Amino acid sequence: MSARKSGSEDDDVRHAFGDAVNMTAGELEKWLETDESKSVGQSDGGESVGHESGRRIVTLLRTRKADLGEDDIAHMRKVVGYVRRHVEQRPDGDITDTRWRYSLMNWGHDPKK
């Protein structure tokens, strides 16, 4: 049997994800191709966790609500948590060209929007 959450819990996660991810699939896909995007995040020599998450977010943004599975909802929950925690760590000053902003953008959130 599936350990699927109730529909309202899934709806809450989808709503929070929609609030946290303020980039469109196209914007995020374009961003992920940049050197700045690839320069940030934790990795073991390969693709960073955030960059990999960004690719998954692009897919999620293009997926119909009815086609979202448990793993999708779990990843949405992870994205919401990451964005909320990271936004709280905003550095002082101009954030335009900071690793902090680039990392958030890999997770689909542009703090300059």
C-alpha atoms as a PDB file:
ATOM      1  CA  MET A   1       0.000   0.000   0.000  1.00  0.00           C
ATOM      2  CA  SER A   2       1.092   3.530  -0.703  1.00  0.00           C
ATOM      3  CA  ALA A   3       1.900   5.914   2.131  1.00  0.00           C
ATOM      4  CA  ARG A   4       0.359   8.717   0.103  1.00  0.00           C
ATOM      5  CA  LYS A   5      -0.629  11.836   2.049  1.00  0.00           C
ATOM      6  CA  SER A   6      -4.127  13.216   1.934  1.00  0.00           C
ATOM      7  CA  GLY A   7      -5.107  15.342  -1.027  1.00  0.00           C
ATOM      8  CA  SER A   8      -5.200  18.490   1.093  1.00  0.00           C
ATOM      9  CA  GLU A   9      -1.631  17.890   2.337  1.00  0.00           C
ATOM     10  CA  ASP A  10      -0.459  17.424  -1.257  1.00  0.00           C
ATOM     11  CA  ASP A  11      -2.344  20.601  -2.194  1.00  0.00           C
ATOM     12  CA  ASP A  12      -0.583  22.469   0.616  1.00  0.00           C
ATOM     13  CA  VAL A  13       2.812  21.275  -0.642  1.00  0.00           C
ATOM     14  CA  ARG A  14       1.987  22.218  -4.246  1.00  0.00           C
ATOM     15  CA  HIS A  15       0.829  25.665  -3.128  1.00  0.00           C
ATOM     16  CA  ALA A  16       3.984  26.239  -1.037  1.00  0.00           C
ATOM     17  CA  PHE A  17       6.093  25.028  -3.983  1.00  0.00           C
ATOM     18  CA  GLY A  18       4.322  27.522  -6.246  1.00  0.00           C
ATOM     19  CA  ASP A  19       5.149  30.298  -3.776  1.00  0.00           C
ATOM     20  CA  ALA A  20       8.800  29.236  -3.368  1.00  0.00           C
ATOM     21  CA  VAL A  21       9.556  28.663  -7.059  1.00  0.00           C
ATOM     22  CA  ASN A  22       9.152  32.038  -8.726  1.00  0.00           C
ATOM     23  CA  MET A  23      10.991  31.205 -11.958  1.00  0.00           C
ATOM     24  CA  THR A  24       9.245  29.687 -14.954  1.00  0.00           C
ATOM     25  CA  ALA A  25      10.403  26.386 -16.393  1.00  0.00           C
ATOM     26  CA  GLY A  26      11.928  28.275 -19.326  1.00  0.00           C
ATOM     27  CA  GLU A  27      13.731  30.791 -17.119  1.00  0.00           C
ATOM     28  CA  LEU A  28      15.129  28.050 -14.897  1.00  0.00           C
ATOM     29  CA  GLU A  29      16.180  25.884 -17.828  1.00  0.00           C
ATOM     30  CA  LYS A  30      18.054  28.823 -19.371  1.00  0.00           C
ATOM     31  CA  TRP A  31      19.669  29.686 -16.016  1.00  0.00           C
ATOM     32  CA  LEU A  32      20.872  26.102 -15.487  1.00  0.00           C
ATOM     33  CA  GLU A  33      22.913  26.368 -18.701  1.00  0.00           C
ATOM     34  CA  THR A  34      25.002  29.277 -17.347  1.00  0.00           C
ATOM     35  CA  ASP A  35      28.485  29.030 -15.866  1.00  0.00           C
ATOM     36  CA  GLU A  36      27.208  30.888 -12.779  1.00  0.00           C
ATOM     37  CA  SER A  37      24.616  28.184 -12.164  1.00  0.00           C
ATOM     38  CA  LYS A  38      27.179  25.429 -12.501  1.00  0.00           C
ATOM     39  CA  SER A  39      29.662  27.231 -10.205  1.00  0.00           C
ATOM     40  CA  VAL A  40      27.685  26.889  -6.956  1.00  0.00           C
ATOM     41  CA  GLY A  41      26.424  24.162  -4.687  1.00  0.00           C
ATOM     42  CA  GLN A  42      27.676  21.028  -2.982  1.00  0.00           C
ATOM     43  CA  SER A  43      28.966  18.305  -5.238  1.00  0.00           C
ATOM     44  CA  ASP A  44      31.313  15.357  -5.215  1.00  0.00           C
ATOM     45  CA  GLY A  45      33.007  16.496  -8.390  1.00  0.00           C
ATOM     46  CA  GLY A  46      29.942  16.017 -10.580  1.00  0.00           C
ATOM     47  CA  GLU A  47      26.724  17.965 -10.796  1.00  0.00           C
ATOM     48  CA  SER A  48      25.792  19.870  -7.631  1.00  0.00           C
ATOM     49  CA  VAL A  49      22.754  18.908  -5.585  1.00  0.00           C
ATOM     50  CA  GLY A  50      21.078  22.237  -6.355  1.00  0.00           C
ATOM     51  CA  HIS A  51      21.752  21.999 -10.073  1.00  0.00           C
ATOM     52  CA  GLU A  52      20.303  18.505 -10.199  1.00  0.00           C
ATOM     53  CA  SER A  53      17.306  19.723  -8.210  1.00  0.00           C
ATOM     54  CA  GLY A  54      16.842  22.566 -10.684  1.00  0.00           C
ATOM     55  CA  ARG A  55      16.562  20.104 -13.554  1.00  0.00           C
ATOM     56  CA  ARG A  56      13.945  18.166 -11.605  1.00  0.00           C
ATOM     57  CA  ILE A  57      12.055  21.400 -10.823  1.00  0.00           C
ATOM     58  CA  VAL A  58      11.871  22.165 -14.562  1.00  0.00           C
ATOM     59  CA  THR A  59      10.232  18.775 -15.052  1.00  0.00           C
ATOM     60  CA  LEU A  60       7.857  19.330 -12.122  1.00  0.00           C
ATOM     61  CA  LEU A  61       6.799  22.710 -13.479  1.00  0.00           C
ATOM     62  CA  ARG A  62       5.890  21.029 -16.752  1.00  0.00           C
ATOM     63  CA  THR A  63       4.003  18.147 -15.110  1.00  0.00           C
ATOM     64  CA  ARG A  64       0.233  18.177 -14.748  1.00  0.00           C
ATOM     65  CA  LYS A  65      -1.041  18.116 -11.171  1.00  0.00           C
ATOM     66  CA  ALA A  66      -2.813  14.798 -11.779  1.00  0.00           C
ATOM     67  CA  ASP A  67       0.450  13.192 -12.930  1.00  0.00           C
ATOM     68  CA  LEU A  68       2.497  14.089  -9.833  1.00  0.00           C
ATOM     69  CA  GLY A  69       3.603  11.105  -7.777  1.00  0.00           C
ATOM     70  CA  GLU A  70       4.779  10.663  -4.203  1.00  0.00           C
ATOM     71  CA  ASP A  71       8.424  11.274  -5.153  1.00  0.00           C
ATOM     72  CA  ASP A  72       7.414  14.486  -6.915  1.00  0.00           C
ATOM     73  CA  ILE A  73       5.539  15.782  -3.873  1.00  0.00           C
ATOM     74  CA  ALA A  74       8.487  14.826  -1.657  1.00  0.00           C
ATOM     75  CA  HIS A  75      10.872  16.779  -3.885  1.00  0.00           C
ATOM     76  CA  MET A  76       8.514  19.762  -3.873  1.00  0.00           C
ATOM     77  CA  ARG A  77       8.565  19.645  -0.070  1.00  0.00           C
ATOM     78  CA  LYS A  78      12.394  19.545  -0.129  1.00  0.00           C
ATOM     79  CA  VAL A  79      12.506  22.581  -2.457  1.00  0.00           C
ATOM     80  CA  VAL A  80      10.169  24.562  -0.199  1.00  0.00           C
ATOM     81  CA  GLY A  81      12.315  23.793   2.853  1.00  0.00           C
ATOM     82  CA  TYR A  82      15.544  24.709   1.080  1.00  0.00           C
ATOM     83  CA  VAL A  83      14.211  28.004  -0.264  1.00  0.00           C
ATOM     84  CA  ARG A  84      12.715  29.015   3.095  1.00  0.00           C
ATOM     85  CA  ARG A  85      15.942  28.263   4.991  1.00  0.00           C
ATOM     86  CA  HIS A  86      18.203  29.892   2.410  1.00  0.00           C
ATOM     87  CA  VAL A  87      16.124  33.083   2.112  1.00  0.00           C
ATOM     88  CA  GLU A  88      16.601  33.585   5.867  1.00  0.00           C
ATOM     89  CA  GLN A  89      20.391  33.691   5.309  1.00  0.00           C
ATOM     90  CA  ARG A  90      20.253  36.687   2.941  1.00  0.00           C
ATOM     91  CA  PRO A  91      23.585  38.526   2.997  1.00  0.00           C
ATOM     92  CA  ASP A  92      23.839  42.285   3.420  1.00  0.00           C
ATOM     93  CA  GLY A  93      24.290  44.522   0.411  1.00  0.00           C
ATOM     94  CA  ASP A  94      23.728  43.962  -3.273  1.00  0.00           C
ATOM     95  CA  ILE A  95      22.867  40.319  -3.920  1.00  0.00           C
ATOM     96  CA  THR A  96      22.906  40.499  -7.722  1.00  0.00           C
ATOM     97  CA  ASP A  97      26.135  38.606  -8.343  1.00  0.00           C
ATOM     98  CA  THR A  98      26.372  36.481  -5.206  1.00  0.00           C
ATOM     99  CA  ARG A  99      26.780  32.751  -4.759  1.00  0.00           C
ATOM    100  CA  TRP A 100      23.800  32.985  -2.366  1.00  0.00           C
ATOM    101  CA  ARG A 101      21.508  34.204  -5.147  1.00  0.00           C
ATOM    102  CA  TYR A 102      22.927  31.763  -7.698  1.00  0.00           C
ATOM    103  CA  SER A 103      22.308  28.859  -5.337  1.00  0.00           C
ATOM    104  CA  LEU A 104      18.706  29.919  -4.751  1.00  0.00           C
ATOM    105  CA  MET A 105      18.169  30.298  -8.477  1.00  0.00           C
ATOM    106  CA  ASN A 106      19.315  26.693  -8.992  1.00  0.00           C
ATOM    107  CA  TRP A 107      16.382  25.785  -6.742  1.00  0.00           C
ATOM    108  CA  GLY A 108      13.978  27.889  -8.836  1.00  0.00           C
ATOM    109  CA  HIS A 109      13.832  31.010  -6.657  1.00  0.00           C
ATOM    110  CA  ASP A 110      15.212  34.348  -7.843  1.00  0.00           C
ATOM    111  CA  PRO A 111      15.308  36.657  -4.803  1.00  0.00           C
ATOM    112  CA  LYS A 112      15.531  39.680  -7.108  1.00  0.00           C
ATOM    113  CA  LYS A 113      12.024  39.014  -8.497  1.00  0.00           C
END
